[in-house]
Each structure stands twice: as C-alpha cells, then as structure tokens.
Amino acid sequence: RKMIDYSIEEKKDVTIIHFYTNLETNVISEAEKVWNMVLEKKPTILALDFTRIEFVDSLGLSHLVKLTKNSIIKDVELIFFGTSASVKSLFAMATLDKFFNIMSKATFENQYLQ
C-alpha cells in the first residue's frame, strides 16, 4: 500500500496542501483524511497544490467533488492550482473544470499570497 506524500503550509488566511503523490485509489482515502483535517479548522481558503500531480483516477475525482461540496457547506474557498495540462483535460472531460476553482500557480500566488 502506497502512502500519500504531502505537506501543509499556512500563510495568512490560506492553508495550502502540497500533494506529491498522484490522487489514485490506493491513496485517496488517506488524502481525504488530510484535507478533512484541514477543513475542520475552517480556513478562509484551502488551496490544493497540484504542481506535482500528473494523474487523478475516477475515484480520486469523485473524492475531489465531495471535498468541493464539503468546502461549500463549510464556507471555505477551495482552489486547485498548478494543475498540469493532463489533469486539466481530465477535469474538462468530466466537466469539472466548471465546478472546480482552477488557476495557475502564478495567479494563485499573486491573488492570495501577496
């Protein structure tokens, strides 16, 4: 069983989870524990750093949808940043690009970390 590799960074009212592992079936429940733990603290903004993620499988996608819904309920702004072209096209194929708040790393840093 593969372990999820991540780090958590807090800057002002933004909590960033940097994932270093693809979000796939073998790690997704562990990833969910991580973001639920962060969500419980009710940050103003929760940002998921996707710069190192090359692939998200269907189970990973369904968990990201659930996270997005939970964020809305808890009034936490959820941002996905640094998504690769392949992950972006995966989100688009599942029409989740309309549902997820996706931005480039530069845009995220300029808007939220300055």
Protein backbone atom coordinates (compact mmCIF):
# COMPACT_ATOMS: atom_id res chain seq x y z
CA ARG A 1 0.00 0.00 0.00
CA LYS A 2 1.37 3.35 -1.07
CA MET A 3 1.44 6.21 1.41
CA ILE A 4 0.32 9.71 0.50
CA ASP A 5 3.15 12.22 0.36
CA TYR A 6 2.17 15.79 1.25
CA SER A 7 2.98 18.88 3.28
CA ILE A 8 0.76 21.58 4.76
CA GLU A 9 1.65 25.26 4.65
CA GLU A 10 -0.24 28.08 6.36
CA LYS A 11 0.13 31.65 5.11
CA LYS A 12 -2.20 34.34 6.47
CA ASP A 13 -5.75 33.04 5.94
CA VAL A 14 -4.68 30.48 3.32
CA THR A 15 -3.92 26.83 4.04
CA ILE A 16 -2.09 25.05 1.22
CA ILE A 17 -1.84 21.29 0.91
CA HIS A 18 1.06 20.35 -1.35
CA PHE A 19 0.48 16.84 -2.73
CA TYR A 20 3.50 14.92 -4.08
CA THR A 21 1.57 11.74 -4.95
CA ASN A 22 -0.98 11.13 -7.72
CA LEU A 23 -4.52 11.00 -6.33
CA GLU A 24 -5.41 7.41 -7.07
CA THR A 25 -7.43 4.61 -5.47
CA ASN A 26 -4.54 3.36 -3.30
CA VAL A 27 -4.00 6.73 -1.54
CA ILE A 28 -7.27 8.65 -1.90
CA SER A 29 -8.80 7.75 1.48
CA GLU A 30 -5.58 8.93 3.14
CA ALA A 31 -5.65 12.15 1.09
CA GLU A 32 -9.27 12.67 2.15
CA LYS A 33 -8.27 12.37 5.83
CA VAL A 34 -5.65 15.07 5.27
CA TRP A 35 -7.98 17.59 3.64
CA ASN A 36 -10.83 16.83 6.08
CA MET A 37 -8.44 17.50 8.98
CA VAL A 38 -7.62 20.89 7.40
CA LEU A 39 -11.30 21.64 6.64
CA GLU A 40 -12.20 21.07 10.32
CA LYS A 41 -10.04 24.09 11.18
CA LYS A 42 -12.26 26.15 8.82
CA PRO A 43 -9.57 28.08 6.95
CA THR A 44 -10.82 31.01 4.87
CA ILE A 45 -9.11 29.49 1.83
CA LEU A 46 -7.96 25.92 1.21
CA ALA A 47 -5.63 25.56 -1.75
CA LEU A 48 -4.53 22.24 -3.22
CA ASP A 49 -1.15 22.38 -4.94
CA PHE A 50 -1.33 20.11 -7.98
CA THR A 51 2.08 21.02 -9.45
CA ARG A 52 3.45 17.52 -8.77
CA ILE A 53 0.27 15.61 -9.66
CA GLU A 54 0.24 14.01 -13.09
CA PHE A 55 -2.81 11.78 -12.73
CA VAL A 56 -6.11 11.56 -10.86
CA ASP A 57 -8.21 8.42 -11.30
CA SER A 58 -12.03 8.25 -11.25
CA LEU A 59 -12.16 7.53 -7.51
CA GLY A 60 -9.83 10.49 -6.93
CA LEU A 61 -12.15 12.71 -8.99
CA SER A 62 -15.20 11.63 -7.01
CA HIS A 63 -13.40 12.43 -3.74
CA LEU A 64 -12.41 15.87 -5.09
CA VAL A 65 -16.09 16.51 -5.93
CA LYS A 66 -17.03 15.52 -2.37
CA LEU A 67 -14.31 17.83 -1.00
CA THR A 68 -15.64 20.69 -3.13
CA LYS A 69 -19.18 20.14 -1.80
CA ASN A 70 -17.92 19.96 1.80
CA SER A 71 -15.94 23.17 1.30
CA ILE A 72 -19.07 24.97 0.09
CA ILE A 73 -21.02 23.71 3.14
CA LYS A 74 -18.24 24.90 5.50
CA ASP A 75 -17.92 28.22 3.63
CA VAL A 76 -14.28 27.56 2.76
CA GLU A 77 -12.98 28.82 -0.59
CA LEU A 78 -11.34 25.86 -2.37
CA ILE A 79 -8.70 26.43 -5.03
CA PHE A 80 -6.81 23.97 -7.22
CA PHE A 81 -3.58 25.45 -8.54
CA GLY A 82 -0.67 24.34 -10.66
CA THR A 83 -2.69 21.68 -12.47
CA SER A 84 -0.83 20.02 -15.35
CA ALA A 85 -2.29 20.00 -18.87
CA SER A 86 -3.23 16.32 -18.48
CA VAL A 87 -5.05 16.87 -15.16
CA LYS A 88 -6.77 19.98 -16.61
CA SER A 89 -8.02 17.98 -19.60
CA LEU A 90 -9.19 15.20 -17.25
CA PHE A 91 -11.18 17.78 -15.24
CA ALA A 92 -12.59 19.18 -18.51
CA MET A 93 -13.59 15.73 -19.81
CA ALA A 94 -15.54 15.16 -16.59
CA THR A 95 -16.89 18.76 -16.93
CA LEU A 96 -15.44 19.50 -13.51
CA ASP A 97 -13.49 22.48 -14.85
CA LYS A 98 -16.74 24.46 -14.47
CA PHE A 99 -17.23 23.21 -10.91
CA PHE A 100 -13.65 23.44 -9.59
CA ASN A 101 -11.87 26.74 -9.00
CA ILE A 102 -8.68 26.11 -11.03
CA MET A 103 -5.85 28.59 -11.53
CA SER A 104 -2.19 28.74 -12.41
CA LYS A 105 0.40 28.79 -9.64
CA ALA A 106 1.39 32.36 -10.59
CA THR A 107 -2.21 33.60 -10.49
CA PHE A 108 -2.80 31.90 -7.13
CA GLU A 109 0.37 33.39 -5.62
CA ASN A 110 -0.40 36.89 -6.97
CA GLN A 111 -4.02 36.88 -5.80
CA TYR A 112 -3.68 35.15 -2.44
CA LEU A 113 -0.12 35.29 -1.15
CA GLN A 114 0.92 38.87 -1.86
